[in-house]
Amino acid sequence: MSDGADHDYGYRGEFGESWMHVLASAAGLTYKPHQPDRDGWDCTLTMKKATKAGYKVDVSASFQVKTFQGDKGKGDSFTFNRMTVAQHNMIASGGHAHDPGYVIVVCVPPLNVPFTEQTGEGLLLKYRAHYYRIDTCERADGHPQSAVSLEIPRRQLVTQHNIRDLVEAEVPIGPRYLEEVPGR
């Protein structure tokens, strides 16, 4: 059995992206994976939003999902340094059309700790995630493979309720798709 050392990323990445998919479904959002992942984003979440002009517009946000086993210590934030300069710069500073963009850091357990727990009410996902708005960040300097450190505020937890707020952060400029709201 592994001790859950940071060298075993396979199960963690799959868990992180699956976690986002389940969370999006619970929030009533459409989950669109980016496959193949060539633009730096793992997925886009979308929803319909009514406008004052009587239309529904698709609003969306893009997400890079990272997993991390190092959210230890105290304080209002933790340092996430598992992104390279190249990865950061691909998605920083408006790296995806007009959508807001976030890094989601799913804090995962060691290999020998279960991800879920069976309760009387169903299956409980035990691990939390934090968000960091990256599309408004400046590009990083340095060698493409060197690490970029992000200070992730602990209060910025991702929940099924606030994930909708992240998607609605900005209505895109020049909506890509308009649909009349019935009855208007």
C-alpha atoms as a PDB file:
ATOM      1  CA  MET A   1       0.000   0.000   0.000  1.00  0.00           C
ATOM      2  CA  SER A   2       1.291   3.454  -0.885  1.00  0.00           C
ATOM      3  CA  ASP A   3       1.826   6.087   1.750  1.00  0.00           C
ATOM      4  CA  GLY A   4       0.079   8.638  -0.506  1.00  0.00           C
ATOM      5  CA  ALA A   5       3.272  10.488  -1.368  1.00  0.00           C
ATOM      6  CA  ASP A   6       2.976  13.307  -3.870  1.00  0.00           C
ATOM      7  CA  HIS A   7       4.472  11.189  -6.671  1.00  0.00           C
ATOM      8  CA  ASP A   8       1.184   9.355  -7.362  1.00  0.00           C
ATOM      9  CA  TYR A   9      -0.932  11.800  -9.367  1.00  0.00           C
ATOM     10  CA  GLY A  10      -3.051   9.453 -11.510  1.00  0.00           C
ATOM     11  CA  TYR A  11      -5.851   8.703  -9.101  1.00  0.00           C
ATOM     12  CA  ARG A  12      -5.865  12.263  -7.779  1.00  0.00           C
ATOM     13  CA  GLY A  13      -6.367  13.972 -11.144  1.00  0.00           C
ATOM     14  CA  GLU A  14      -9.177  11.636 -12.072  1.00  0.00           C
ATOM     15  CA  PHE A  15     -10.791  12.163  -8.665  1.00  0.00           C
ATOM     16  CA  GLY A  16     -10.504  15.976  -9.007  1.00  0.00           C
ATOM     17  CA  GLU A  17     -12.172  16.102 -12.410  1.00  0.00           C
ATOM     18  CA  SER A  18     -14.865  13.618 -11.329  1.00  0.00           C
ATOM     19  CA  TRP A  19     -15.454  15.709  -8.198  1.00  0.00           C
ATOM     20  CA  MET A  20     -16.066  18.785 -10.387  1.00  0.00           C
ATOM     21  CA  HIS A  21     -18.460  16.845 -12.614  1.00  0.00           C
ATOM     22  CA  VAL A  22     -20.518  15.643  -9.624  1.00  0.00           C
ATOM     23  CA  LEU A  23     -20.522  19.126  -8.075  1.00  0.00           C
ATOM     24  CA  ALA A  24     -21.651  20.727 -11.345  1.00  0.00           C
ATOM     25  CA  SER A  25     -24.481  18.206 -11.667  1.00  0.00           C
ATOM     26  CA  ALA A  26     -25.590  18.872  -8.073  1.00  0.00           C
ATOM     27  CA  ALA A  27     -25.656  22.609  -8.851  1.00  0.00           C
ATOM     28  CA  GLY A  28     -27.728  22.143 -12.019  1.00  0.00           C
ATOM     29  CA  LEU A  29     -24.894  23.169 -14.347  1.00  0.00           C
ATOM     30  CA  THR A  30     -23.859  21.636 -17.646  1.00  0.00           C
ATOM     31  CA  TYR A  31     -20.374  20.088 -17.485  1.00  0.00           C
ATOM     32  CA  LYS A  32     -18.366  20.191 -20.713  1.00  0.00           C
ATOM     33  CA  PRO A  33     -14.963  18.487 -20.536  1.00  0.00           C
ATOM     34  CA  HIS A  34     -12.165  19.775 -22.752  1.00  0.00           C
ATOM     35  CA  GLN A  35     -10.918  16.665 -24.474  1.00  0.00           C
ATOM     36  CA  PRO A  36      -8.289  16.679 -25.700  1.00  0.00           C
ATOM     37  CA  ASP A  37      -6.987  19.231 -23.198  1.00  0.00           C
ATOM     38  CA  ARG A  38      -5.045  21.549 -25.505  1.00  0.00           C
ATOM     39  CA  ASP A  39      -6.116  24.947 -24.231  1.00  0.00           C
ATOM     40  CA  GLY A  40      -5.139  24.598 -20.571  1.00  0.00           C
ATOM     41  CA  TRP A  41      -8.701  24.235 -19.318  1.00  0.00           C
ATOM     42  CA  ASP A  42     -10.120  20.941 -18.028  1.00  0.00           C
ATOM     43  CA  CYS A  43     -13.800  21.825 -18.289  1.00  0.00           C
ATOM     44  CA  THR A  44     -16.374  24.528 -18.839  1.00  0.00           C
ATOM     45  CA  LEU A  45     -19.551  24.821 -16.774  1.00  0.00           C
ATOM     46  CA  THR A  46     -22.565  26.543 -18.334  1.00  0.00           C
ATOM     47  CA  MET A  47     -26.058  27.632 -17.381  1.00  0.00           C
ATOM     48  CA  LYS A  48     -28.894  29.732 -18.825  1.00  0.00           C
ATOM     49  CA  LYS A  49     -29.465  33.174 -17.336  1.00  0.00           C
ATOM     50  CA  ALA A  50     -32.432  35.429 -18.057  1.00  0.00           C
ATOM     51  CA  THR A  51     -31.648  38.996 -19.096  1.00  0.00           C
ATOM     52  CA  LYS A  52     -33.738  42.127 -18.539  1.00  0.00           C
ATOM     53  CA  ALA A  53     -34.316  42.337 -22.289  1.00  0.00           C
ATOM     54  CA  GLY A  54     -36.328  39.100 -22.264  1.00  0.00           C
ATOM     55  CA  TYR A  55     -33.698  36.688 -23.499  1.00  0.00           C
ATOM     56  CA  LYS A  56     -31.864  33.749 -22.020  1.00  0.00           C
ATOM     57  CA  VAL A  57     -28.134  33.774 -22.489  1.00  0.00           C
ATOM     58  CA  ASP A  58     -25.637  30.987 -21.961  1.00  0.00           C
ATOM     59  CA  VAL A  59     -23.149  32.019 -19.299  1.00  0.00           C
ATOM     60  CA  SER A  60     -20.107  29.938 -18.570  1.00  0.00           C
ATOM     61  CA  ALA A  61     -16.809  29.738 -16.758  1.00  0.00           C
ATOM     62  CA  SER A  62     -13.747  27.643 -17.482  1.00  0.00           C
ATOM     63  CA  PHE A  63     -11.880  25.609 -14.905  1.00  0.00           C
ATOM     64  CA  GLN A  64      -8.436  24.093 -14.505  1.00  0.00           C
ATOM     65  CA  VAL A  65      -8.784  21.372 -11.875  1.00  0.00           C
ATOM     66  CA  LYS A  66      -5.756  20.576  -9.752  1.00  0.00           C
ATOM     67  CA  THR A  67      -5.425  18.231  -6.827  1.00  0.00           C
ATOM     68  CA  PHE A  68      -3.289  18.865  -3.803  1.00  0.00           C
ATOM     69  CA  GLN A  69      -2.348  16.924  -0.732  1.00  0.00           C
ATOM     70  CA  GLY A  70      -0.517  19.788   0.941  1.00  0.00           C
ATOM     71  CA  ASP A  71      -3.187  22.020   2.493  1.00  0.00           C
ATOM     72  CA  LYS A  72      -1.553  21.772   5.881  1.00  0.00           C
ATOM     73  CA  GLY A  73      -0.792  24.431   8.394  1.00  0.00           C
ATOM     74  CA  LYS A  74      -2.668  27.391   9.715  1.00  0.00           C
ATOM     75  CA  GLY A  75      -3.584  30.831   8.474  1.00  0.00           C
ATOM     76  CA  ASP A  76      -6.045  32.387   6.079  1.00  0.00           C
ATOM     77  CA  SER A  77      -4.470  30.878   2.957  1.00  0.00           C
ATOM     78  CA  PHE A  78      -2.235  28.092   1.734  1.00  0.00           C
ATOM     79  CA  THR A  79       0.403  28.020  -0.984  1.00  0.00           C
ATOM     80  CA  PHE A  80      -0.319  25.934  -4.062  1.00  0.00           C
ATOM     81  CA  ASN A  81       2.812  25.443  -6.158  1.00  0.00           C
ATOM     82  CA  ARG A  82       1.823  22.585  -8.461  1.00  0.00           C
ATOM     83  CA  MET A  83       1.397  24.659 -11.627  1.00  0.00           C
ATOM     84  CA  THR A  84       4.214  25.476 -14.050  1.00  0.00           C
ATOM     85  CA  VAL A  85       4.839  28.875 -15.619  1.00  0.00           C
ATOM     86  CA  ALA A  86       3.748  27.396 -18.972  1.00  0.00           C
ATOM     87  CA  GLN A  87       0.446  26.078 -17.531  1.00  0.00           C
ATOM     88  CA  HIS A  88      -0.188  29.352 -15.689  1.00  0.00           C
ATOM     89  CA  ASN A  89       0.465  31.537 -18.719  1.00  0.00           C
ATOM     90  CA  MET A  90      -1.769  29.450 -20.965  1.00  0.00           C
ATOM     91  CA  ILE A  91      -4.804  30.360 -18.854  1.00  0.00           C
ATOM     92  CA  ALA A  92      -3.827  33.601 -17.089  1.00  0.00           C
ATOM     93  CA  SER A  93      -4.775  37.017 -18.408  1.00  0.00           C
ATOM     94  CA  GLY A  94      -7.843  36.156 -20.452  1.00  0.00           C
ATOM     95  CA  GLY A  95      -6.784  32.748 -21.706  1.00  0.00           C
ATOM     96  CA  HIS A  96     -10.290  31.658 -22.737  1.00  0.00           C
ATOM     97  CA  ALA A  97     -12.588  33.886 -24.800  1.00  0.00           C
ATOM     98  CA  HIS A  98     -14.829  36.015 -22.584  1.00  0.00           C
ATOM     99  CA  ASP A  99     -15.476  33.509 -19.815  1.00  0.00           C
ATOM    100  CA  PRO A 100     -14.202  33.912 -16.277  1.00  0.00           C
ATOM    101  CA  GLY A 101     -11.538  31.328 -15.484  1.00  0.00           C
ATOM    102  CA  TYR A 102     -10.628  29.603 -12.247  1.00  0.00           C
ATOM    103  CA  VAL A 103      -8.146  27.151 -10.840  1.00  0.00           C
ATOM    104  CA  ILE A 104      -9.965  24.701  -8.592  1.00  0.00           C
ATOM    105  CA  VAL A 105      -7.714  23.012  -6.048  1.00  0.00           C
ATOM    106  CA  VAL A 106      -9.301  19.822  -4.743  1.00  0.00           C
ATOM    107  CA  CYS A 107      -7.603  18.821  -1.494  1.00  0.00           C
ATOM    108  CA  VAL A 108      -7.231  15.053  -1.654  1.00  0.00           C
ATOM    109  CA  PRO A 109      -6.291  12.426   0.901  1.00  0.00           C
ATOM    110  CA  PRO A 110      -3.412   9.980   0.927  1.00  0.00           C
ATOM    111  CA  LEU A 111      -4.047   6.722  -0.943  1.00  0.00           C
ATOM    112  CA  ASN A 112      -5.003   4.835   2.201  1.00  0.00           C
ATOM    113  CA  VAL A 113      -7.838   7.208   3.179  1.00  0.00           C
ATOM    114  CA  PRO A 114     -11.253   6.733   1.519  1.00  0.00           C
ATOM    115  CA  PHE A 115     -12.633   9.559  -0.644  1.00  0.00           C
ATOM    116  CA  THR A 116     -16.215   8.923   0.384  1.00  0.00           C
ATOM    117  CA  GLU A 117     -18.210   7.828   3.398  1.00  0.00           C
ATOM    118  CA  GLN A 118     -21.523   5.984   3.446  1.00  0.00           C
ATOM    119  CA  THR A 119     -23.987   7.817   5.692  1.00  0.00           C
ATOM    120  CA  GLY A 120     -27.652   7.268   6.512  1.00  0.00           C
ATOM    121  CA  GLU A 121     -28.501   9.942   3.927  1.00  0.00           C
ATOM    122  CA  GLY A 122     -26.321   8.606   1.118  1.00  0.00           C
ATOM    123  CA  LEU A 123     -22.767   8.872  -0.101  1.00  0.00           C
ATOM    124  CA  LEU A 124     -20.718  11.759   1.279  1.00  0.00           C
ATOM    125  CA  LEU A 125     -17.794  13.241  -0.682  1.00  0.00           C
ATOM    126  CA  LYS A 126     -15.424  14.028   2.162  1.00  0.00           C
ATOM    127  CA  TYR A 127     -12.923  16.374   0.579  1.00  0.00           C
ATOM    128  CA  ARG A 128     -13.089  20.075  -0.088  1.00  0.00           C
ATOM    129  CA  ALA A 129     -11.956  22.331  -2.888  1.00  0.00           C
ATOM    130  CA  HIS A 130     -10.925  25.966  -3.085  1.00  0.00           C
ATOM    131  CA  TYR A 131     -11.125  28.343  -6.036  1.00  0.00           C
ATOM    132  CA  TYR A 132      -8.739  30.967  -7.366  1.00  0.00           C
ATOM    133  CA  ARG A 133      -9.680  33.382 -10.160  1.00  0.00           C
ATOM    134  CA  ILE A 134      -6.837  33.185 -12.663  1.00  0.00           C
ATOM    135  CA  ASP A 135      -8.056  34.775 -15.889  1.00  0.00           C
ATOM    136  CA  THR A 136      -7.393  38.242 -14.454  1.00  0.00           C
ATOM    137  CA  CYS A 137      -3.839  37.399 -13.258  1.00  0.00           C
ATOM    138  CA  GLU A 138      -0.735  38.730 -14.942  1.00  0.00           C
ATOM    139  CA  ARG A 139       1.419  36.292 -16.861  1.00  0.00           C
ATOM    140  CA  ALA A 140       4.291  34.797 -14.837  1.00  0.00           C
ATOM    141  CA  ASP A 141       7.978  35.207 -15.634  1.00  0.00           C
ATOM    142  CA  GLY A 142      10.494  32.410 -15.537  1.00  0.00           C
ATOM    143  CA  HIS A 143      11.415  29.129 -17.181  1.00  0.00           C
ATOM    144  CA  PRO A 144       8.304  27.392 -18.602  1.00  0.00           C
ATOM    145  CA  GLN A 145       8.790  24.358 -16.317  1.00  0.00           C
ATOM    146  CA  SER A 146       9.448  26.274 -13.102  1.00  0.00           C
ATOM    147  CA  ALA A 147       6.696  26.410 -10.499  1.00  0.00           C
ATOM    148  CA  VAL A 148       4.288  29.276  -9.938  1.00  0.00           C
ATOM    149  CA  SER A 149       3.044  29.778  -6.377  1.00  0.00           C
ATOM    150  CA  LEU A 150      -0.577  30.782  -5.842  1.00  0.00           C
ATOM    151  CA  GLU A 151      -1.843  31.899  -2.439  1.00  0.00           C
ATOM    152  CA  ILE A 152      -5.247  30.224  -2.153  1.00  0.00           C
ATOM    153  CA  PRO A 153      -7.582  31.787   0.437  1.00  0.00           C
ATOM    154  CA  ARG A 154      -9.078  29.061   2.644  1.00  0.00           C
ATOM    155  CA  ARG A 155     -12.402  30.936   2.762  1.00  0.00           C
ATOM    156  CA  GLN A 156     -12.862  30.469  -1.011  1.00  0.00           C
ATOM    157  CA  LEU A 157     -14.462  27.038  -0.727  1.00  0.00           C
ATOM    158  CA  VAL A 158     -16.259  25.552  -3.708  1.00  0.00           C
ATOM    159  CA  THR A 159     -19.793  24.377  -2.926  1.00  0.00           C
ATOM    160  CA  GLN A 160     -22.780  23.385  -5.037  1.00  0.00           C
ATOM    161  CA  HIS A 161     -24.281  26.772  -4.156  1.00  0.00           C
ATOM    162  CA  ASN A 162     -21.397  29.128  -4.908  1.00  0.00           C
ATOM    163  CA  ILE A 163     -20.211  27.320  -8.039  1.00  0.00           C
ATOM    164  CA  ARG A 164     -23.216  28.917  -9.771  1.00  0.00           C
ATOM    165  CA  ASP A 165     -21.984  32.341  -8.605  1.00  0.00           C
ATOM    166  CA  LEU A 166     -18.565  31.634 -10.142  1.00  0.00           C
ATOM    167  CA  VAL A 167     -20.201  30.770 -13.466  1.00  0.00           C
ATOM    168  CA  GLU A 168     -22.348  33.918 -13.323  1.00  0.00           C
ATOM    169  CA  ALA A 169     -19.392  36.162 -12.395  1.00  0.00           C
ATOM    170  CA  GLU A 170     -19.640  38.005 -15.687  1.00  0.00           C
ATOM    171  CA  VAL A 171     -22.077  37.846 -18.563  1.00  0.00           C
ATOM    172  CA  PRO A 172     -19.940  37.375 -21.662  1.00  0.00           C
ATOM    173  CA  ILE A 173     -19.494  40.298 -24.050  1.00  0.00           C
ATOM    174  CA  GLY A 174     -21.517  39.601 -27.194  1.00  0.00           C
ATOM    175  CA  PRO A 175     -23.495  36.552 -26.075  1.00  0.00           C
ATOM    176  CA  ARG A 176     -22.740  33.508 -28.190  1.00  0.00           C
ATOM    177  CA  TYR A 177     -26.289  32.224 -28.041  1.00  0.00           C
ATOM    178  CA  LEU A 178     -29.545  34.023 -27.323  1.00  0.00           C
ATOM    179  CA  GLU A 179     -32.908  32.411 -26.798  1.00  0.00           C
ATOM    180  CA  GLU A 180     -36.178  34.237 -26.194  1.00  0.00           C
ATOM    181  CA  VAL A 181     -37.694  33.707 -22.760  1.00  0.00           C
ATOM    182  CA  PRO A 182     -41.204  32.246 -23.212  1.00  0.00           C
ATOM    183  CA  GLY A 183     -44.024  34.619 -22.322  1.00  0.00           C
ATOM    184  CA  ARG A 184     -42.147  37.857 -22.946  1.00  0.00           C
END
